[in-house]
Amino acid sequence: MPKKITFVTGNPRKIEEAAAVLRNYDIVVETLQFDIDEIQHHNPL
């Protein structure tokens, strides 16, 4: 029975990439989509 991980993202490319990698480890990627603003930090510390 494969393990499952849930990705919360609106970026389908992230899901595709994660699923491709995790498939090798018998992990299934599930998705949840939320319409939220991502905080971006442009000022390096």
N, C-alpha and C. Protein backbone atom coordinates (compact mmCIF):
# COMPACT_ATOMS: atom_id res chain seq x y z
N MET A 1 0.85 -1.18 0.00
CA MET A 1 0.00 0.00 0.00
C MET A 1 0.90 1.25 0.00
N PRO A 2 0.72 2.13 -0.98
CA PRO A 2 1.58 3.32 -1.06
C PRO A 2 1.24 4.33 0.04
N LYS A 3 2.25 5.06 0.44
CA LYS A 3 2.05 6.17 1.37
C LYS A 3 1.52 7.35 0.57
N LYS A 4 0.91 8.30 1.27
CA LYS A 4 0.36 9.48 0.61
C LYS A 4 0.93 10.74 1.25
N ILE A 5 1.13 11.74 0.44
CA ILE A 5 1.53 13.06 0.91
C ILE A 5 0.61 14.07 0.24
N THR A 6 0.22 15.09 0.98
CA THR A 6 -0.67 16.11 0.44
C THR A 6 0.11 17.40 0.22
N PHE A 7 0.05 17.91 -1.00
CA PHE A 7 0.66 19.19 -1.36
C PHE A 7 -0.45 20.22 -1.45
N VAL A 8 -0.25 21.35 -0.81
CA VAL A 8 -1.21 22.44 -0.88
C VAL A 8 -0.57 23.52 -1.74
N THR A 9 -1.00 23.58 -2.99
CA THR A 9 -0.42 24.52 -3.93
C THR A 9 -1.37 24.74 -5.09
N GLY A 10 -1.25 25.87 -5.71
CA GLY A 10 -1.99 26.15 -6.93
C GLY A 10 -1.11 26.00 -8.15
N ASN A 11 0.11 25.51 -7.94
CA ASN A 11 1.08 25.38 -9.02
C ASN A 11 1.12 23.94 -9.52
N PRO A 12 0.48 23.65 -10.65
CA PRO A 12 0.44 22.27 -11.15
C PRO A 12 1.82 21.71 -11.48
N ARG A 13 2.76 22.55 -11.84
CA ARG A 13 4.11 22.08 -12.16
C ARG A 13 4.80 21.50 -10.92
N LYS A 14 4.60 22.12 -9.77
CA LYS A 14 5.17 21.59 -8.53
C LYS A 14 4.62 20.20 -8.24
N ILE A 15 3.33 20.03 -8.46
CA ILE A 15 2.70 18.74 -8.21
C ILE A 15 3.25 17.68 -9.14
N GLU A 16 3.38 18.01 -10.41
CA GLU A 16 3.92 17.06 -11.39
C GLU A 16 5.34 16.64 -11.02
N GLU A 17 6.17 17.60 -10.66
CA GLU A 17 7.56 17.30 -10.32
C GLU A 17 7.64 16.45 -9.05
N ALA A 18 6.88 16.81 -8.05
CA ALA A 18 6.88 16.04 -6.80
C ALA A 18 6.39 14.62 -7.04
N ALA A 19 5.33 14.47 -7.80
CA ALA A 19 4.78 13.14 -8.08
C ALA A 19 5.78 12.28 -8.84
N ALA A 20 6.50 12.87 -9.77
CA ALA A 20 7.48 12.12 -10.55
C ALA A 20 8.60 11.59 -9.66
N VAL A 21 9.06 12.41 -8.74
CA VAL A 21 10.15 11.98 -7.85
C VAL A 21 9.65 10.98 -6.81
N LEU A 22 8.53 11.29 -6.18
CA LEU A 22 8.04 10.45 -5.08
C LEU A 22 7.49 9.11 -5.55
N ARG A 23 7.11 9.03 -6.81
CA ARG A 23 6.64 7.76 -7.37
C ARG A 23 7.69 6.67 -7.19
N ASN A 24 8.96 7.04 -7.28
CA ASN A 24 10.06 6.08 -7.12
C ASN A 24 10.12 5.50 -5.71
N TYR A 25 9.48 6.15 -4.76
CA TYR A 25 9.50 5.71 -3.37
C TYR A 25 8.14 5.18 -2.92
N ASP A 26 7.28 4.88 -3.88
CA ASP A 26 5.94 4.35 -3.61
C ASP A 26 5.12 5.32 -2.75
N ILE A 27 5.22 6.61 -3.10
CA ILE A 27 4.46 7.65 -2.42
C ILE A 27 3.57 8.34 -3.44
N VAL A 28 2.29 8.43 -3.11
CA VAL A 28 1.31 9.06 -3.98
C VAL A 28 1.11 10.51 -3.54
N VAL A 29 1.07 11.42 -4.49
CA VAL A 29 0.87 12.83 -4.19
C VAL A 29 -0.60 13.19 -4.38
N GLU A 30 -1.20 13.70 -3.31
CA GLU A 30 -2.55 14.24 -3.38
C GLU A 30 -2.43 15.75 -3.34
N THR A 31 -3.45 16.44 -3.82
CA THR A 31 -3.37 17.90 -3.85
C THR A 31 -4.58 18.54 -3.18
N LEU A 32 -4.33 19.68 -2.60
CA LEU A 32 -5.37 20.57 -2.10
C LEU A 32 -5.06 21.93 -2.68
N GLN A 33 -6.07 22.59 -3.20
CA GLN A 33 -5.85 23.91 -3.77
C GLN A 33 -6.59 24.95 -2.95
N PHE A 34 -5.85 25.96 -2.54
CA PHE A 34 -6.40 27.09 -1.82
C PHE A 34 -6.03 28.35 -2.57
N ASP A 35 -6.93 29.29 -2.59
CA ASP A 35 -6.65 30.58 -3.22
C ASP A 35 -6.13 31.52 -2.14
N ILE A 36 -4.81 31.49 -1.92
CA ILE A 36 -4.20 32.35 -0.91
C ILE A 36 -3.03 33.10 -1.54
N ASP A 37 -2.70 34.22 -0.93
CA ASP A 37 -1.54 34.97 -1.38
C ASP A 37 -0.29 34.39 -0.73
N GLU A 38 0.73 34.13 -1.53
CA GLU A 38 1.99 33.65 -1.00
C GLU A 38 2.83 34.85 -0.59
N ILE A 39 3.41 34.76 0.59
CA ILE A 39 4.28 35.84 1.07
C ILE A 39 5.63 35.69 0.39
N GLN A 40 6.08 36.75 -0.21
CA GLN A 40 7.37 36.76 -0.90
C GLN A 40 8.32 37.67 -0.13
N HIS A 41 9.52 37.21 0.07
CA HIS A 41 10.52 38.00 0.78
C HIS A 41 11.64 38.32 -0.19
N HIS A 42 11.81 39.58 -0.52
CA HIS A 42 12.81 39.98 -1.50
C HIS A 42 14.02 40.66 -0.87
N ASN A 43 14.02 40.80 0.44
CA ASN A 43 15.11 41.47 1.12
C ASN A 43 15.98 40.43 1.82
N PRO A 44 17.18 40.13 1.29
CA PRO A 44 18.02 39.12 1.94
C PRO A 44 18.47 39.59 3.32
N LEU A 45 18.53 38.65 4.22
CA LEU A 45 18.95 38.99 5.59
C LEU A 45 20.44 39.01 5.71
